[in-house]
Amino acid sequence: MGLTVIVISWLLQYLSITPKKQDFNPLFLMFYAIGTAVLAWISYISGSPLTALLNLGAFILPIAILLKIKK
C-alpha cells in the first residue's frame, strides 16, 4: 500500500514536469509523505524499528520541503 502511494506520487511529479516548470509538485510531496508514513507504520507494527525510523526520516523530508515552498 505504501509503495503504491509512492509510485503514484512519482507519476504525478513526472506528469507535472514541463520544460518551463521543473519544481516540486505539492501533490507529489503530500502523496510521497503519506506513502512513507504508511511504510513507517507497517515497519513499526511488524517489529522493525530501524526500518520504521528510516521511513520516518523519509516522511519528514518531503514535509519540510512542502512547508518551505508554501512560504
C-alpha atoms as a PDB file:
ATOM      1  CA  MET A   1       0.000   0.000   0.000  1.00  0.00           C
ATOM      2  CA  GLY A   2       2.726   2.482   0.968  1.00  0.00           C
ATOM      3  CA  LEU A   3       4.824   1.757  -2.108  1.00  0.00           C
ATOM      4  CA  THR A   4       1.750   2.118  -4.308  1.00  0.00           C
ATOM      5  CA  VAL A   5       1.156   5.618  -2.949  1.00  0.00           C
ATOM      6  CA  ILE A   6       4.828   6.489  -3.503  1.00  0.00           C
ATOM      7  CA  VAL A   7       4.682   5.270  -7.118  1.00  0.00           C
ATOM      8  CA  ILE A   8       1.541   7.359  -7.681  1.00  0.00           C
ATOM      9  CA  SER A   9       3.349  10.383  -6.232  1.00  0.00           C
ATOM     10  CA  TRP A  10       6.249   9.902  -8.641  1.00  0.00           C
ATOM     11  CA  LEU A  11       3.818   9.588 -11.538  1.00  0.00           C
ATOM     12  CA  LEU A  12       2.184  12.883 -10.519  1.00  0.00           C
ATOM     13  CA  GLN A  13       5.599  14.537 -10.309  1.00  0.00           C
ATOM     14  CA  TYR A  14       6.664  13.163 -13.696  1.00  0.00           C
ATOM     15  CA  LEU A  15       3.475  14.345 -15.378  1.00  0.00           C
ATOM     16  CA  SER A  16       3.773  17.837 -13.878  1.00  0.00           C
ATOM     17  CA  ILE A  17       7.273  18.496 -15.252  1.00  0.00           C
ATOM     18  CA  THR A  18       7.473  20.734 -18.307  1.00  0.00           C
ATOM     19  CA  PRO A  19      10.487  22.455 -19.870  1.00  0.00           C
ATOM     20  CA  LYS A  20       9.471  25.712 -18.152  1.00  0.00           C
ATOM     21  CA  LYS A  21       8.253  24.249 -14.848  1.00  0.00           C
ATOM     22  CA  GLN A  22      10.628  21.874 -13.101  1.00  0.00           C
ATOM     23  CA  ASP A  23       9.904  22.439  -9.419  1.00  0.00           C
ATOM     24  CA  PHE A  24       8.304  20.084  -6.911  1.00  0.00           C
ATOM     25  CA  ASN A  25       4.606  19.418  -7.308  1.00  0.00           C
ATOM     26  CA  PRO A  26       2.919  19.814  -3.884  1.00  0.00           C
ATOM     27  CA  LEU A  27       0.745  16.757  -4.618  1.00  0.00           C
ATOM     28  CA  PHE A  28       3.912  14.725  -5.162  1.00  0.00           C
ATOM     29  CA  LEU A  29       5.251  15.788  -1.789  1.00  0.00           C
ATOM     30  CA  MET A  30       1.972  15.034   0.002  1.00  0.00           C
ATOM     31  CA  PHE A  31       1.492  11.607  -1.580  1.00  0.00           C
ATOM     32  CA  TYR A  32       5.156  10.724  -1.040  1.00  0.00           C
ATOM     33  CA  ALA A  33       4.878  11.680   2.630  1.00  0.00           C
ATOM     34  CA  ILE A  34       1.699   9.627   3.021  1.00  0.00           C
ATOM     35  CA  GLY A  35       3.352   6.621   1.380  1.00  0.00           C
ATOM     36  CA  THR A  36       6.407   6.782   3.602  1.00  0.00           C
ATOM     37  CA  ALA A  37       4.220   7.255   6.687  1.00  0.00           C
ATOM     38  CA  VAL A  38       2.349   4.072   5.762  1.00  0.00           C
ATOM     39  CA  LEU A  39       5.655   2.243   5.284  1.00  0.00           C
ATOM     40  CA  ALA A  40       6.917   3.533   8.639  1.00  0.00           C
ATOM     41  CA  TRP A  41       3.750   2.380  10.397  1.00  0.00           C
ATOM     42  CA  ILE A  42       3.842  -1.063   8.774  1.00  0.00           C
ATOM     43  CA  SER A  43       7.519  -1.434   9.691  1.00  0.00           C
ATOM     44  CA  TYR A  44       6.808  -0.424  13.270  1.00  0.00           C
ATOM     45  CA  ILE A  45       3.916  -2.826  13.784  1.00  0.00           C
ATOM     46  CA  SER A  46       5.944  -5.576  12.079  1.00  0.00           C
ATOM     47  CA  GLY A  47       8.660  -5.223  14.702  1.00  0.00           C
ATOM     48  CA  SER A  48      11.305  -3.492  12.600  1.00  0.00           C
ATOM     49  CA  PRO A  49      12.055  -0.244  14.456  1.00  0.00           C
ATOM     50  CA  LEU A  50      15.152   0.668  12.418  1.00  0.00           C
ATOM     51  CA  THR A  51      13.257   0.448   9.139  1.00  0.00           C
ATOM     52  CA  ALA A  52      10.407   2.410  10.703  1.00  0.00           C
ATOM     53  CA  LEU A  53      12.846   5.116  11.789  1.00  0.00           C
ATOM     54  CA  LEU A  54      14.383   5.349   8.313  1.00  0.00           C
ATOM     55  CA  ASN A  55      10.937   5.587   6.742  1.00  0.00           C
ATOM     56  CA  LEU A  56      10.022   8.253   9.275  1.00  0.00           C
ATOM     57  CA  GLY A  57      13.031  10.245   8.066  1.00  0.00           C
ATOM     58  CA  ALA A  58      11.783   9.815   4.508  1.00  0.00           C
ATOM     59  CA  PHE A  59       8.426  11.160   5.727  1.00  0.00           C
ATOM     60  CA  ILE A  60       9.903  14.263   7.372  1.00  0.00           C
ATOM     61  CA  LEU A  61      11.932  15.455   4.372  1.00  0.00           C
ATOM     62  CA  PRO A  62       9.061  15.968   1.891  1.00  0.00           C
ATOM     63  CA  ILE A  63       7.005  17.630   4.633  1.00  0.00           C
ATOM     64  CA  ALA A  64       9.887  20.054   5.281  1.00  0.00           C
ATOM     65  CA  ILE A  65      10.169  20.816   1.550  1.00  0.00           C
ATOM     66  CA  LEU A  66       6.407  21.298   1.274  1.00  0.00           C
ATOM     67  CA  LEU A  67       6.432  23.757   4.173  1.00  0.00           C
ATOM     68  CA  LYS A  68       9.364  25.625   2.637  1.00  0.00           C
ATOM     69  CA  ILE A  69       7.776  26.023  -0.806  1.00  0.00           C
ATOM     70  CA  LYS A  70       4.428  27.071   0.708  1.00  0.00           C
ATOM     71  CA  LYS A  71       6.035  30.156   2.334  1.00  0.00           C
END
